[in-house]
Amino acid sequence: MEKKRKVILKLKFAQYLVGEIGNPIFNIMNPDPEYYKKFPICSQYYKKFNVEIQKMKDHFFHLISEHRKGIDFDSNEEATDFVEAYMRYQHKLKLDGIVDPNFE
């Protein structure tokens, strides 16, 4: 059931984003949303769009945290996928005290 829910959420997110690309207000605001959000017709759209984006962020951060829980960072095993390899490298940089904005 959980797997089916995740697939449905991914499809909803993709469908929403693809649908918004055809929205004239989206295209007007796309270059500088912070500027256009001040206009009455755009402010409501901006709020709605941000709510949807926040839902997507929450969903993906949840997936990342779930994936992170299953990784033994102290192990020298080969990573099982590219996400795990990325997280292991992130962890290694943090332990070495290296700050790299590309891996935060």
PDB file of N, CA and C in Angstrom:
ATOM      1  N   MET A   1       0.822  -1.204   0.000  1.00  0.00           N
ATOM      2  CA  MET A   1       0.000   0.000   0.000  1.00  0.00           C
ATOM      3  C   MET A   1       0.867   1.270   0.000  1.00  0.00           C
ATOM      4  N   GLU A   2       1.929   1.237   0.816  1.00  0.00           N
ATOM      5  CA  GLU A   2       2.819   2.405   0.911  1.00  0.00           C
ATOM      6  C   GLU A   2       3.497   2.680  -0.428  1.00  0.00           C
ATOM      7  N   LYS A   3       3.915   1.605  -1.108  1.00  0.00           N
ATOM      8  CA  LYS A   3       4.583   1.777  -2.398  1.00  0.00           C
ATOM      9  C   LYS A   3       3.625   2.395  -3.417  1.00  0.00           C
ATOM     10  N   LYS A   4       2.377   1.955  -3.396  1.00  0.00           N
ATOM     11  CA  LYS A   4       1.369   2.498  -4.317  1.00  0.00           C
ATOM     12  C   LYS A   4       1.134   3.980  -4.026  1.00  0.00           C
ATOM     13  N   ARG A   5       1.112   4.341  -2.752  1.00  0.00           N
ATOM     14  CA  ARG A   5       0.923   5.739  -2.351  1.00  0.00           C
ATOM     15  C   ARG A   5       2.065   6.609  -2.864  1.00  0.00           C
ATOM     16  N   LYS A   6       3.307   6.104  -2.762  1.00  0.00           N
ATOM     17  CA  LYS A   6       4.472   6.854  -3.229  1.00  0.00           C
ATOM     18  C   LYS A   6       4.412   7.080  -4.737  1.00  0.00           C
ATOM     19  N   VAL A   7       4.006   6.054  -5.467  1.00  0.00           N
ATOM     20  CA  VAL A   7       3.900   6.177  -6.926  1.00  0.00           C
ATOM     21  C   VAL A   7       2.836   7.202  -7.291  1.00  0.00           C
ATOM     22  N   ILE A   8       1.708   7.166  -6.605  1.00  0.00           N
ATOM     23  CA  ILE A   8       0.623   8.119  -6.874  1.00  0.00           C
ATOM     24  C   ILE A   8       1.087   9.540  -6.582  1.00  0.00           C
ATOM     25  N   LEU A   9       1.812   9.741  -5.464  1.00  0.00           N
ATOM     26  CA  LEU A   9       2.329  11.075  -5.129  1.00  0.00           C
ATOM     27  C   LEU A   9       3.297  11.580  -6.195  1.00  0.00           C
ATOM     28  N   LYS A  10       4.193  10.728  -6.657  1.00  0.00           N
ATOM     29  CA  LYS A  10       5.145  11.125  -7.693  1.00  0.00           C
ATOM     30  C   LYS A  10       4.412  11.521  -8.971  1.00  0.00           C
ATOM     31  N   LEU A  11       3.408  10.753  -9.331  1.00  0.00           N
ATOM     32  CA  LEU A  11       2.635  11.076 -10.530  1.00  0.00           C
ATOM     33  C   LEU A  11       1.878  12.392 -10.365  1.00  0.00           C
ATOM     34  N   LYS A  12       1.321  12.616  -9.170  1.00  0.00           N
ATOM     35  CA  LYS A  12       0.619  13.873  -8.904  1.00  0.00           C
ATOM     36  C   LYS A  12       1.558  15.063  -9.020  1.00  0.00           C
ATOM     37  N   PHE A  13       2.754  14.936  -8.450  1.00  0.00           N
ATOM     38  CA  PHE A  13       3.729  16.021  -8.511  1.00  0.00           C
ATOM     39  C   PHE A  13       4.125  16.302  -9.957  1.00  0.00           C
ATOM     40  N   ALA A  14       4.423  15.241 -10.683  1.00  0.00           N
ATOM     41  CA  ALA A  14       4.834  15.402 -12.085  1.00  0.00           C
ATOM     42  C   ALA A  14       3.706  16.016 -12.902  1.00  0.00           C
ATOM     43  N   GLN A  15       2.504  15.542 -12.700  1.00  0.00           N
ATOM     44  CA  GLN A  15       1.345  16.063 -13.431  1.00  0.00           C
ATOM     45  C   GLN A  15       1.126  17.536 -13.103  1.00  0.00           C
ATOM     46  N   TYR A  16       1.270  17.897 -11.844  1.00  0.00           N
ATOM     47  CA  TYR A  16       1.084  19.286 -11.443  1.00  0.00           C
ATOM     48  C   TYR A  16       2.111  20.186 -12.119  1.00  0.00           C
ATOM     49  N   LEU A  17       3.390  19.787 -12.057  1.00  0.00           N
ATOM     50  CA  LEU A  17       4.443  20.619 -12.638  1.00  0.00           C
ATOM     51  C   LEU A  17       4.305  20.750 -14.151  1.00  0.00           C
ATOM     52  N   VAL A  18       4.010  19.663 -14.818  1.00  0.00           N
ATOM     53  CA  VAL A  18       3.833  19.714 -16.272  1.00  0.00           C
ATOM     54  C   VAL A  18       2.633  20.594 -16.618  1.00  0.00           C
ATOM     55  N   GLY A  19       1.574  20.491 -15.837  1.00  0.00           N
ATOM     56  CA  GLY A  19       0.386  21.316 -16.065  1.00  0.00           C
ATOM     57  C   GLY A  19       0.657  22.797 -15.875  1.00  0.00           C
ATOM     58  N   GLU A  20       1.514  23.123 -14.913  1.00  0.00           N
ATOM     59  CA  GLU A  20       1.804  24.529 -14.630  1.00  0.00           C
ATOM     60  C   GLU A  20       2.661  25.188 -15.705  1.00  0.00           C
ATOM     61  N   ILE A  21       3.432  24.387 -16.414  1.00  0.00           N
ATOM     62  CA  ILE A  21       4.272  24.952 -17.469  1.00  0.00           C
ATOM     63  C   ILE A  21       3.413  25.629 -18.537  1.00  0.00           C
ATOM     64  N   GLY A  22       2.207  25.125 -18.746  1.00  0.00           N
ATOM     65  CA  GLY A  22       1.303  25.725 -19.727  1.00  0.00           C
ATOM     66  C   GLY A  22       0.482  26.881 -19.177  1.00  0.00           C
ATOM     67  N   ASN A  23       0.597  27.164 -17.896  1.00  0.00           N
ATOM     68  CA  ASN A  23      -0.168  28.229 -17.262  1.00  0.00           C
ATOM     69  C   ASN A  23       0.502  29.575 -17.564  1.00  0.00           C
ATOM     70  N   PRO A  24      -0.238  30.512 -18.174  1.00  0.00           N
ATOM     71  CA  PRO A  24       0.360  31.816 -18.500  1.00  0.00           C
ATOM     72  C   PRO A  24       0.915  32.565 -17.287  1.00  0.00           C
ATOM     73  N   ILE A  25       0.241  32.461 -16.153  1.00  0.00           N
ATOM     74  CA  ILE A  25       0.734  33.155 -14.952  1.00  0.00           C
ATOM     75  C   ILE A  25       2.080  32.561 -14.521  1.00  0.00           C
ATOM     76  N   PHE A  26       2.200  31.242 -14.605  1.00  0.00           N
ATOM     77  CA  PHE A  26       3.478  30.599 -14.282  1.00  0.00           C
ATOM     78  C   PHE A  26       4.586  31.143 -15.179  1.00  0.00           C
ATOM     79  N   ASN A  27       4.307  31.239 -16.465  1.00  0.00           N
ATOM     80  CA  ASN A  27       5.317  31.702 -17.415  1.00  0.00           C
ATOM     81  C   ASN A  27       5.680  33.178 -17.218  1.00  0.00           C
ATOM     82  N   ILE A  28       4.723  33.970 -16.813  1.00  0.00           N
ATOM     83  CA  ILE A  28       5.005  35.385 -16.526  1.00  0.00           C
ATOM     84  C   ILE A  28       5.889  35.488 -15.289  1.00  0.00           C
ATOM     85  N   MET A  29       5.559  34.707 -14.263  1.00  0.00           N
ATOM     86  CA  MET A  29       6.268  34.800 -12.982  1.00  0.00           C
ATOM     87  C   MET A  29       7.602  34.060 -12.976  1.00  0.00           C
ATOM     88  N   ASN A  30       7.794  33.128 -13.854  1.00  0.00           N
ATOM     89  CA  ASN A  30       8.956  32.248 -13.814  1.00  0.00           C
ATOM     90  C   ASN A  30      10.299  32.980 -13.722  1.00  0.00           C
ATOM     91  N   PRO A  31      10.543  34.047 -14.477  1.00  0.00           N
ATOM     92  CA  PRO A  31      11.854  34.698 -14.377  1.00  0.00           C
ATOM     93  C   PRO A  31      12.158  35.294 -12.996  1.00  0.00           C
ATOM     94  N   ASP A  32      11.142  35.830 -12.318  1.00  0.00           N
ATOM     95  CA  ASP A  32      11.383  36.460 -11.020  1.00  0.00           C
ATOM     96  C   ASP A  32      10.116  36.394 -10.156  1.00  0.00           C
ATOM     97  N   PRO A  33       9.826  35.229  -9.571  1.00  0.00           N
ATOM     98  CA  PRO A  33       8.596  35.078  -8.787  1.00  0.00           C
ATOM     99  C   PRO A  33       8.486  36.042  -7.611  1.00  0.00           C
ATOM    100  N   GLU A  34       9.613  36.383  -6.989  1.00  0.00           N
ATOM    101  CA  GLU A  34       9.575  37.298  -5.843  1.00  0.00           C
ATOM    102  C   GLU A  34       9.068  38.683  -6.238  1.00  0.00           C
ATOM    103  N   TYR A  35       9.387  39.117  -7.440  1.00  0.00           N
ATOM    104  CA  TYR A  35       8.909  40.410  -7.931  1.00  0.00           C
ATOM    105  C   TYR A  35       7.421  40.346  -8.272  1.00  0.00           C
ATOM    106  N   TYR A  36       7.035  39.347  -9.013  1.00  0.00           N
ATOM    107  CA  TYR A  36       5.654  39.261  -9.501  1.00  0.00           C
ATOM    108  C   TYR A  36       4.637  38.911  -8.419  1.00  0.00           C
ATOM    109  N   LYS A  37       5.084  38.328  -7.313  1.00  0.00           N
ATOM    110  CA  LYS A  37       4.133  37.963  -6.261  1.00  0.00           C
ATOM    111  C   LYS A  37       3.447  39.187  -5.656  1.00  0.00           C
ATOM    112  N   LYS A  38       3.969  40.377  -5.917  1.00  0.00           N
ATOM    113  CA  LYS A  38       3.383  41.616  -5.389  1.00  0.00           C
ATOM    114  C   LYS A  38       2.119  42.021  -6.135  1.00  0.00           C
ATOM    115  N   PHE A  39       1.944  41.507  -7.346  1.00  0.00           N
ATOM    116  CA  PHE A  39       0.769  41.854  -8.141  1.00  0.00           C
ATOM    117  C   PHE A  39      -0.421  41.004  -7.712  1.00  0.00           C
ATOM    118  N   PRO A  40      -1.606  41.612  -7.613  1.00  0.00           N
ATOM    119  CA  PRO A  40      -2.778  40.890  -7.105  1.00  0.00           C
ATOM    120  C   PRO A  40      -3.063  39.574  -7.830  1.00  0.00           C
ATOM    121  N   ILE A  41      -2.999  39.568  -9.140  1.00  0.00           N
ATOM    122  CA  ILE A  41      -3.342  38.340  -9.875  1.00  0.00           C
ATOM    123  C   ILE A  41      -2.304  37.245  -9.637  1.00  0.00           C
ATOM    124  N   CYS A  42      -1.090  37.636  -9.328  1.00  0.00           N
ATOM    125  CA  CYS A  42      -0.010  36.671  -9.156  1.00  0.00           C
ATOM    126  C   CYS A  42       0.152  36.216  -7.702  1.00  0.00           C
ATOM    127  N   SER A  43      -0.249  37.031  -6.755  1.00  0.00           N
ATOM    128  CA  SER A  43       0.012  36.697  -5.348  1.00  0.00           C
ATOM    129  C   SER A  43      -0.710  35.426  -4.913  1.00  0.00           C
ATOM    130  N   GLN A  44      -1.948  35.263  -5.338  1.00  0.00           N
ATOM    131  CA  GLN A  44      -2.702  34.063  -4.972  1.00  0.00           C
ATOM    132  C   GLN A  44      -2.077  32.821  -5.617  1.00  0.00           C
ATOM    133  N   TYR A  45      -1.687  32.971  -6.870  1.00  0.00           N
ATOM    134  CA  TYR A  45      -1.041  31.868  -7.569  1.00  0.00           C
ATOM    135  C   TYR A  45       0.285  31.519  -6.883  1.00  0.00           C
ATOM    136  N   TYR A  46       1.033  32.527  -6.500  1.00  0.00           N
ATOM    137  CA  TYR A  46       2.321  32.333  -5.835  1.00  0.00           C
ATOM    138  C   TYR A  46       2.138  31.521  -4.546  1.00  0.00           C
ATOM    139  N   LYS A  47       1.138  31.873  -3.761  1.00  0.00           N
ATOM    140  CA  LYS A  47       0.878  31.159  -2.510  1.00  0.00           C
ATOM    141  C   LYS A  47       0.518  29.706  -2.784  1.00  0.00           C
ATOM    142  N   LYS A  48      -0.364  29.491  -3.755  1.00  0.00           N
ATOM    143  CA  LYS A  48      -0.799  28.136  -4.103  1.00  0.00           C
ATOM    144  C   LYS A  48       0.383  27.307  -4.604  1.00  0.00           C
ATOM    145  N   PHE A  49       1.192  27.895  -5.463  1.00  0.00           N
ATOM    146  CA  PHE A  49       2.336  27.194  -6.021  1.00  0.00           C
ATOM    147  C   PHE A  49       3.337  26.833  -4.919  1.00  0.00           C
ATOM    148  N   ASN A  50       3.582  27.761  -4.000  1.00  0.00           N
ATOM    149  CA  ASN A  50       4.500  27.486  -2.893  1.00  0.00           C
ATOM    150  C   ASN A  50       4.010  26.363  -1.998  1.00  0.00           C
ATOM    151  N   VAL A  51       2.697  26.276  -1.792  1.00  0.00           N
ATOM    152  CA  VAL A  51       2.140  25.181  -0.996  1.00  0.00           C
ATOM    153  C   VAL A  51       2.437  23.852  -1.687  1.00  0.00           C
ATOM    154  N   GLU A  52       2.235  23.788  -2.998  1.00  0.00           N
ATOM    155  CA  GLU A  52       2.494  22.557  -3.739  1.00  0.00           C
ATOM    156  C   GLU A  52       3.983  22.212  -3.721  1.00  0.00           C
ATOM    157  N   ILE A  53       4.830  23.199  -3.893  1.00  0.00           N
ATOM    158  CA  ILE A  53       6.275  22.961  -3.861  1.00  0.00           C
ATOM    159  C   ILE A  53       6.699  22.467  -2.481  1.00  0.00           C
ATOM    160  N   GLN A  54       6.127  23.039  -1.422  1.00  0.00           N
ATOM    161  CA  GLN A  54       6.453  22.601  -0.063  1.00  0.00           C
ATOM    162  C   GLN A  54       6.034  21.145   0.147  1.00  0.00           C
ATOM    163  N   LYS A  55       4.882  20.755  -0.397  1.00  0.00           N
ATOM    164  CA  LYS A  55       4.447  19.352  -0.300  1.00  0.00           C
ATOM    165  C   LYS A  55       5.468  18.438  -0.962  1.00  0.00           C
ATOM    166  N   MET A  56       5.963  18.855  -2.126  1.00  0.00           N
ATOM    167  CA  MET A  56       6.965  18.054  -2.835  1.00  0.00           C
ATOM    168  C   MET A  56       8.255  17.960  -2.026  1.00  0.00           C
ATOM    169  N   LYS A  57       8.697  19.099  -1.490  1.00  0.00           N
ATOM    170  CA  LYS A  57       9.921  19.103  -0.687  1.00  0.00           C
ATOM    171  C   LYS A  57       9.770  18.177   0.521  1.00  0.00           C
ATOM    172  N   ASP A  58       8.645  18.283   1.210  1.00  0.00           N
ATOM    173  CA  ASP A  58       8.400  17.448   2.387  1.00  0.00           C
ATOM    174  C   ASP A  58       8.449  15.969   2.011  1.00  0.00           C
ATOM    175  N   HIS A  59       7.808  15.642   0.896  1.00  0.00           N
ATOM    176  CA  HIS A  59       7.784  14.252   0.439  1.00  0.00           C
ATOM    177  C   HIS A  59       9.199  13.744   0.151  1.00  0.00           C
ATOM    178  N   PHE A  60       9.969  14.520  -0.592  1.00  0.00           N
ATOM    179  CA  PHE A  60      11.313  14.074  -0.961  1.00  0.00           C
ATOM    180  C   PHE A  60      12.263  14.072   0.230  1.00  0.00           C
ATOM    181  N   PHE A  61      12.141  15.032   1.144  1.00  0.00           N
ATOM    182  CA  PHE A  61      12.976  15.015   2.344  1.00  0.00           C
ATOM    183  C   PHE A  61      12.640  13.811   3.218  1.00  0.00           C
ATOM    184  N   HIS A  62      11.364  13.429   3.233  1.00  0.00           N
ATOM    185  CA  HIS A  62      10.956  12.220   3.972  1.00  0.00           C
ATOM    186  C   HIS A  62      11.609  10.980   3.340  1.00  0.00           C
ATOM    187  N   LEU A  63      11.571  10.894   2.011  1.00  0.00           N
ATOM    188  CA  LEU A  63      12.196   9.755   1.337  1.00  0.00           C
ATOM    189  C   LEU A  63      13.699   9.710   1.606  1.00  0.00           C
ATOM    190  N   ILE A  64      14.343  10.866   1.596  1.00  0.00           N
ATOM    191  CA  ILE A  64      15.780  10.934   1.860  1.00  0.00           C
ATOM    192  C   ILE A  64      16.084  10.487   3.286  1.00  0.00           C
ATOM    193  N   SER A  65      15.301  10.962   4.251  1.00  0.00           N
ATOM    194  CA  SER A  65      15.559  10.588   5.648  1.00  0.00           C
ATOM    195  C   SER A  65      15.319   9.094   5.857  1.00  0.00           C
ATOM    196  N   GLU A  66      14.309   8.524   5.183  1.00  0.00           N
ATOM    197  CA  GLU A  66      14.056   7.084   5.282  1.00  0.00           C
ATOM    198  C   GLU A  66      15.233   6.313   4.684  1.00  0.00           C
ATOM    199  N   HIS A  67      15.744   6.776   3.563  1.00  0.00           N
ATOM    200  CA  HIS A  67      16.876   6.123   2.909  1.00  0.00           C
ATOM    201  C   HIS A  67      18.117   6.221   3.800  1.00  0.00           C
ATOM    202  N   ARG A  68      18.312   7.375   4.413  1.00  0.00           N
ATOM    203  CA  ARG A  68      19.478   7.604   5.274  1.00  0.00           C
ATOM    204  C   ARG A  68      19.455   6.669   6.492  1.00  0.00           C
ATOM    205  N   LYS A  69      18.259   6.372   7.012  1.00  0.00           N
ATOM    206  CA  LYS A  69      18.150   5.504   8.193  1.00  0.00           C
ATOM    207  C   LYS A  69      18.675   4.095   7.913  1.00  0.00           C
ATOM    208  N   GLY A  70      18.588   3.663   6.659  1.00  0.00           N
ATOM    209  CA  GLY A  70      19.006   2.311   6.314  1.00  0.00           C
ATOM    210  C   GLY A  70      20.474   2.186   5.953  1.00  0.00           C
ATOM    211  N   ILE A  71      21.244   3.252   6.094  1.00  0.00           N
ATOM    212  CA  ILE A  71      22.650   3.224   5.700  1.00  0.00           C
ATOM    213  C   ILE A  71      23.537   3.150   6.938  1.00  0.00           C
ATOM    214  N   ASP A  72      24.472   2.214   6.901  1.00  0.00           N
ATOM    215  CA  ASP A  72      25.483   2.122   7.957  1.00  0.00           C
ATOM    216  C   ASP A  72      26.702   2.885   7.465  1.00  0.00           C
ATOM    217  N   PHE A  73      26.860   4.107   7.927  1.00  0.00           N
ATOM    218  CA  PHE A  73      27.942   4.973   7.456  1.00  0.00           C
ATOM    219  C   PHE A  73      29.322   4.510   7.914  1.00  0.00           C
ATOM    220  N   ASP A  74      29.383   3.673   8.939  1.00  0.00           N
ATOM    221  CA  ASP A  74      30.664   3.179   9.432  1.00  0.00           C
ATOM    222  C   ASP A  74      31.149   1.957   8.659  1.00  0.00           C
ATOM    223  N   SER A  75      30.297   1.412   7.831  1.00  0.00           N
ATOM    224  CA  SER A  75      30.626   0.226   7.045  1.00  0.00           C
ATOM    225  C   SER A  75      31.472   0.598   5.824  1.00  0.00           C
ATOM    226  N   ASN A  76      32.303  -0.311   5.400  1.00  0.00           N
ATOM    227  CA  ASN A  76      33.100  -0.107   4.188  1.00  0.00           C
ATOM    228  C   ASN A  76      32.495  -0.824   2.986  1.00  0.00           C
ATOM    229  N   GLU A  77      31.252  -1.250   3.109  1.00  0.00           N
ATOM    230  CA  GLU A  77      30.572  -1.941   2.013  1.00  0.00           C
ATOM    231  C   GLU A  77      30.397  -1.009   0.826  1.00  0.00           C
ATOM    232  N   GLU A  78      30.247  -1.627  -0.332  1.00  0.00           N
ATOM    233  CA  GLU A  78      29.970  -0.874  -1.554  1.00  0.00           C
ATOM    234  C   GLU A  78      28.549  -0.308  -1.463  1.00  0.00           C
ATOM    235  N   ALA A  79      28.353   0.903  -1.948  1.00  0.00           N
ATOM    236  CA  ALA A  79      27.023   1.524  -1.942  1.00  0.00           C
ATOM    237  C   ALA A  79      26.084   0.703  -2.833  1.00  0.00           C
ATOM    238  N   THR A  80      24.823   0.653  -2.430  1.00  0.00           N
ATOM    239  CA  THR A  80      23.846  -0.132  -3.194  1.00  0.00           C
ATOM    240  C   THR A  80      23.232   0.663  -4.340  1.00  0.00           C
ATOM    241  N   ASP A  81      23.287   1.996  -4.260  1.00  0.00           N
ATOM    242  CA  ASP A  81      22.762   2.840  -5.330  1.00  0.00           C
ATOM    243  C   ASP A  81      23.454   4.202  -5.279  1.00  0.00           C
ATOM    244  N   PHE A  82      23.163   5.039  -6.255  1.00  0.00           N
ATOM    245  CA  PHE A  82      23.864   6.325  -6.316  1.00  0.00           C
ATOM    246  C   PHE A  82      23.484   7.250  -5.161  1.00  0.00           C
ATOM    247  N   VAL A  83      22.273   7.108  -4.646  1.00  0.00           N
ATOM    248  CA  VAL A  83      21.861   7.952  -3.513  1.00  0.00           C
ATOM    249  C   VAL A  83      22.687   7.593  -2.281  1.00  0.00           C
ATOM    250  N   GLU A  84      22.871   6.308  -2.065  1.00  0.00           N
ATOM    251  CA  GLU A  84      23.677   5.890  -0.921  1.00  0.00           C
ATOM    252  C   GLU A  84      25.133   6.337  -1.092  1.00  0.00           C
ATOM    253  N   ALA A  85      25.665   6.236  -2.303  1.00  0.00           N
ATOM    254  CA  ALA A  85      27.043   6.681  -2.563  1.00  0.00           C
ATOM    255  C   ALA A  85      27.173   8.176  -2.269  1.00  0.00           C
ATOM    256  N   TYR A  86      26.188   8.951  -2.681  1.00  0.00           N
ATOM    257  CA  TYR A  86      26.183  10.397  -2.437  1.00  0.00           C
ATOM    258  C   TYR A  86      26.155  10.681  -0.937  1.00  0.00           C
ATOM    259  N   MET A  87      25.276   9.981  -0.216  1.00  0.00           N
ATOM    260  CA  MET A  87      25.155  10.206   1.226  1.00  0.00           C
ATOM    261  C   MET A  87      26.416   9.778   1.966  1.00  0.00           C
ATOM    262  N   ARG A  88      27.054   8.710   1.511  1.00  0.00           N
ATOM    263  CA  ARG A  88      28.312   8.272   2.139  1.00  0.00           C
ATOM    264  C   ARG A  88      29.403   9.331   1.923  1.00  0.00           C
ATOM    265  N   TYR A  89      29.459   9.886   0.730  1.00  0.00           N
ATOM    266  CA  TYR A  89      30.450  10.920   0.440  1.00  0.00           C
ATOM    267  C   TYR A  89      30.165  12.170   1.274  1.00  0.00           C
ATOM    268  N   GLN A  90      28.910  12.531   1.375  1.00  0.00           N
ATOM    269  CA  GLN A  90      28.488  13.664   2.217  1.00  0.00           C
ATOM    270  C   GLN A  90      28.989  13.450   3.656  1.00  0.00           C
ATOM    271  N   HIS A  91      28.750  12.252   4.163  1.00  0.00           N
ATOM    272  CA  HIS A  91      29.149  11.897   5.533  1.00  0.00           C
ATOM    273  C   HIS A  91      30.669  11.984   5.689  1.00  0.00           C
ATOM    274  N   LYS A  92      31.402  11.487   4.711  1.00  0.00           N
ATOM    275  CA  LYS A  92      32.868  11.516   4.750  1.00  0.00           C
ATOM    276  C   LYS A  92      33.374  12.963   4.798  1.00  0.00           C
ATOM    277  N   LEU A  93      32.792  13.832   3.963  1.00  0.00           N
ATOM    278  CA  LEU A  93      33.204  15.238   3.968  1.00  0.00           C
ATOM    279  C   LEU A  93      32.947  15.882   5.324  1.00  0.00           C
ATOM    280  N   LYS A  94      31.798  15.569   5.892  1.00  0.00           N
ATOM    281  CA  LYS A  94      31.446  16.145   7.193  1.00  0.00           C
ATOM    282  C   LYS A  94      32.433  15.693   8.269  1.00  0.00           C
ATOM    283  N   LEU A  95      32.796  14.412   8.253  1.00  0.00           N
ATOM    284  CA  LEU A  95      33.757  13.899   9.235  1.00  0.00           C
ATOM    285  C   LEU A  95      35.134  14.530   9.061  1.00  0.00           C
ATOM    286  N   ASP A  96      35.504  14.819   7.815  1.00  0.00           N
ATOM    287  CA  ASP A  96      36.798  15.439   7.528  1.00  0.00           C
ATOM    288  C   ASP A  96      36.786  16.946   7.755  1.00  0.00           C
ATOM    289  N   GLY A  97      35.619  17.496   8.085  1.00  0.00           N
ATOM    290  CA  GLY A  97      35.504  18.931   8.345  1.00  0.00           C
ATOM    291  C   GLY A  97      35.525  19.781   7.094  1.00  0.00           C
ATOM    292  N   ILE A  98      35.242  19.161   5.959  1.00  0.00           N
ATOM    293  CA  ILE A  98      35.237  19.879   4.687  1.00  0.00           C
ATOM    294  C   ILE A  98      33.833  20.396   4.406  1.00  0.00           C
ATOM    295  N   VAL A  99      33.721  21.689   4.136  1.00  0.00           N
ATOM    296  CA  VAL A  99      32.438  22.292   3.815  1.00  0.00           C
ATOM    297  C   VAL A  99      32.370  22.488   2.303  1.00  0.00           C
ATOM    298  N   ASP A 100      31.476  21.762   1.680  1.00  0.00           N
ATOM    299  CA  ASP A 100      31.290  21.853   0.232  1.00  0.00           C
ATOM    300  C   ASP A 100      29.801  22.048  -0.025  1.00  0.00           C
ATOM    301  N   PRO A 101      29.379  23.220  -0.490  1.00  0.00           N
ATOM    302  CA  PRO A 101      27.949  23.483  -0.687  1.00  0.00           C
ATOM    303  C   PRO A 101      27.286  22.521  -1.676  1.00  0.00           C
ATOM    304  N   ASN A 102      28.067  21.861  -2.507  1.00  0.00           N
ATOM    305  CA  ASN A 102      27.495  20.903  -3.453  1.00  0.00           C
ATOM    306  C   ASN A 102      27.067  19.606  -2.775  1.00  0.00           C
ATOM    307  N   PHE A 103      27.495  19.412  -1.551  1.00  0.00           N
ATOM    308  CA  PHE A 103      27.192  18.162  -0.851  1.00  0.00           C
ATOM    309  C   PHE A 103      26.481  18.387   0.482  1.00  0.00           C
ATOM    310  N   GLU A 104      25.750  19.472   0.604  1.00  0.00           N
ATOM    311  CA  GLU A 104      25.015  19.722   1.849  1.00  0.00           C
ATOM    312  C   GLU A 104      23.576  19.365   1.692  1.00  0.00           C
TER     313      GLU A 104
END
